[in-house]
């Protein structure tokens, strides 16, 4: 399988999981932005389940994972108010 297959499939899963919310957004640009934000939130959860992050937390290492997104069109960094962390 091509290297991007898993990444693209993950986005498809996020899209299916939030199909009703996304379908309610009429504007294509707004719908795309929301899908990107939902993907970032899902990625935060995914990163927090990795062996590396879990091992760091088990060692008591202060580590936080933050969900932020940078919009190329307006140049703004947006905090999605999703943060996972331990020992901070």
C-alpha atoms as a PDB file:
ATOM      1  CA  UNK A   1       0.000   0.000   0.000  1.00  0.00           C
ATOM      2  CA  UNK A   2       1.182   3.528  -0.693  1.00  0.00           C
ATOM      3  CA  UNK A   3       2.650   5.343   2.334  1.00  0.00           C
ATOM      4  CA  UNK A   4      -0.180   7.861   2.499  1.00  0.00           C
ATOM      5  CA  UNK A   5      -2.910   5.231   2.442  1.00  0.00           C
ATOM      6  CA  UNK A   6      -3.142   4.885   6.245  1.00  0.00           C
ATOM      7  CA  UNK A   7      -3.119   8.649   6.734  1.00  0.00           C
ATOM      8  CA  UNK A   8      -5.879   9.191   4.184  1.00  0.00           C
ATOM      9  CA  UNK A   9      -7.898   6.292   5.580  1.00  0.00           C
ATOM     10  CA  UNK A  10      -7.677   7.876   9.048  1.00  0.00           C
ATOM     11  CA  UNK A  11      -9.175  11.092   7.676  1.00  0.00           C
ATOM     12  CA  UNK A  12     -11.956   9.077   6.063  1.00  0.00           C
ATOM     13  CA  UNK A  13     -12.705   7.473   9.432  1.00  0.00           C
ATOM     14  CA  UNK A  14     -12.835  10.887  11.113  1.00  0.00           C
ATOM     15  CA  UNK A  15     -15.131  12.149   8.348  1.00  0.00           C
ATOM     16  CA  UNK A  16     -17.482   9.167   8.718  1.00  0.00           C
ATOM     17  CA  UNK A  17     -17.492   9.521  12.516  1.00  0.00           C
ATOM     18  CA  UNK A  18     -18.646  13.128  12.227  1.00  0.00           C
ATOM     19  CA  UNK A  19     -20.736  12.831   9.062  1.00  0.00           C
ATOM     20  CA  UNK A  20     -23.855  14.461  10.508  1.00  0.00           C
ATOM     21  CA  UNK A  21     -21.978  17.452  11.904  1.00  0.00           C
ATOM     22  CA  UNK A  22     -20.058  17.963   8.666  1.00  0.00           C
ATOM     23  CA  UNK A  23     -23.154  17.549   6.486  1.00  0.00           C
ATOM     24  CA  UNK A  24     -24.857  20.339   8.442  1.00  0.00           C
ATOM     25  CA  UNK A  25     -22.154  22.804   7.381  1.00  0.00           C
ATOM     26  CA  UNK A  26     -23.221  24.327   4.074  1.00  0.00           C
ATOM     27  CA  UNK A  27     -20.057  26.235   3.186  1.00  0.00           C
ATOM     28  CA  UNK A  28     -17.349  24.019   1.649  1.00  0.00           C
ATOM     29  CA  UNK A  29     -14.517  26.057   3.187  1.00  0.00           C
ATOM     30  CA  UNK A  30     -16.052  25.887   6.670  1.00  0.00           C
ATOM     31  CA  UNK A  31     -16.731  22.172   6.297  1.00  0.00           C
ATOM     32  CA  UNK A  32     -13.107  21.562   5.246  1.00  0.00           C
ATOM     33  CA  UNK A  33     -11.779  23.593   8.195  1.00  0.00           C
ATOM     34  CA  UNK A  34     -13.971  21.659  10.618  1.00  0.00           C
ATOM     35  CA  UNK A  35     -12.798  18.317   9.194  1.00  0.00           C
ATOM     36  CA  UNK A  36      -9.203  19.438   9.675  1.00  0.00           C
ATOM     37  CA  UNK A  37      -9.943  20.439  13.275  1.00  0.00           C
ATOM     38  CA  UNK A  38     -11.653  17.113  13.992  1.00  0.00           C
ATOM     39  CA  UNK A  39      -8.649  15.327  12.519  1.00  0.00           C
ATOM     40  CA  UNK A  40      -6.266  17.220  14.812  1.00  0.00           C
ATOM     41  CA  UNK A  41      -8.380  16.300  17.839  1.00  0.00           C
ATOM     42  CA  UNK A  42      -8.350  12.637  16.808  1.00  0.00           C
ATOM     43  CA  UNK A  43      -4.584  12.794  16.291  1.00  0.00           C
ATOM     44  CA  UNK A  44      -4.065  14.157  19.815  1.00  0.00           C
ATOM     45  CA  UNK A  45      -5.898  11.131  21.190  1.00  0.00           C
ATOM     46  CA  UNK A  46      -3.888   8.837  18.922  1.00  0.00           C
ATOM     47  CA  UNK A  47      -0.526  10.305  19.950  1.00  0.00           C
ATOM     48  CA  UNK A  48      -1.478   9.881  23.607  1.00  0.00           C
ATOM     49  CA  UNK A  49      -1.906   6.142  23.037  1.00  0.00           C
ATOM     50  CA  UNK A  50       1.581   5.633  21.594  1.00  0.00           C
ATOM     51  CA  UNK A  51       4.139   3.594  23.513  1.00  0.00           C
ATOM     52  CA  UNK A  52       6.543   6.540  23.627  1.00  0.00           C
ATOM     53  CA  UNK A  53       4.078   8.926  25.258  1.00  0.00           C
ATOM     54  CA  UNK A  54       2.731   6.311  27.654  1.00  0.00           C
ATOM     55  CA  UNK A  55       6.274   5.352  28.700  1.00  0.00           C
ATOM     56  CA  UNK A  56       7.164   9.000  29.327  1.00  0.00           C
ATOM     57  CA  UNK A  57       4.094   9.419  31.511  1.00  0.00           C
ATOM     58  CA  UNK A  58       4.888   6.178  33.357  1.00  0.00           C
ATOM     59  CA  UNK A  59       8.375   7.559  34.113  1.00  0.00           C
ATOM     60  CA  UNK A  60       6.763  10.671  35.544  1.00  0.00           C
ATOM     61  CA  UNK A  61       8.041  12.867  32.734  1.00  0.00           C
ATOM     62  CA  UNK A  62       6.020  16.060  32.334  1.00  0.00           C
ATOM     63  CA  UNK A  63       4.570  15.857  28.857  1.00  0.00           C
ATOM     64  CA  UNK A  64       1.591  17.527  27.250  1.00  0.00           C
ATOM     65  CA  UNK A  65       0.034  17.003  23.841  1.00  0.00           C
ATOM     66  CA  UNK A  66      -1.836  20.012  22.509  1.00  0.00           C
ATOM     67  CA  UNK A  67      -4.268  20.236  19.607  1.00  0.00           C
ATOM     68  CA  UNK A  68      -3.529  23.334  17.579  1.00  0.00           C
ATOM     69  CA  UNK A  69      -4.119  24.034  13.914  1.00  0.00           C
ATOM     70  CA  UNK A  70      -2.517  26.545  11.592  1.00  0.00           C
ATOM     71  CA  UNK A  71      -4.700  27.900   8.836  1.00  0.00           C
ATOM     72  CA  UNK A  72      -2.655  28.712   5.747  1.00  0.00           C
ATOM     73  CA  UNK A  73      -5.272  31.054   4.338  1.00  0.00           C
ATOM     74  CA  UNK A  74      -5.386  33.482   7.273  1.00  0.00           C
ATOM     75  CA  UNK A  75      -2.054  32.676   8.929  1.00  0.00           C
ATOM     76  CA  UNK A  76      -3.658  32.132  12.328  1.00  0.00           C
ATOM     77  CA  UNK A  77      -2.758  29.456  14.844  1.00  0.00           C
ATOM     78  CA  UNK A  78      -5.907  28.213  16.581  1.00  0.00           C
ATOM     79  CA  UNK A  79      -5.944  26.409  19.914  1.00  0.00           C
ATOM     80  CA  UNK A  80      -8.589  23.685  19.667  1.00  0.00           C
ATOM     81  CA  UNK A  81      -8.889  23.438  23.458  1.00  0.00           C
ATOM     82  CA  UNK A  82      -7.814  19.816  23.477  1.00  0.00           C
ATOM     83  CA  UNK A  83      -4.832  19.058  25.691  1.00  0.00           C
ATOM     84  CA  UNK A  84      -3.781  15.775  27.207  1.00  0.00           C
ATOM     85  CA  UNK A  85      -0.988  15.686  29.709  1.00  0.00           C
ATOM     86  CA  UNK A  86       0.390  14.231  32.864  1.00  0.00           C
ATOM     87  CA  UNK A  87       2.876  15.375  35.447  1.00  0.00           C
ATOM     88  CA  UNK A  88       2.693  18.945  34.216  1.00  0.00           C
END
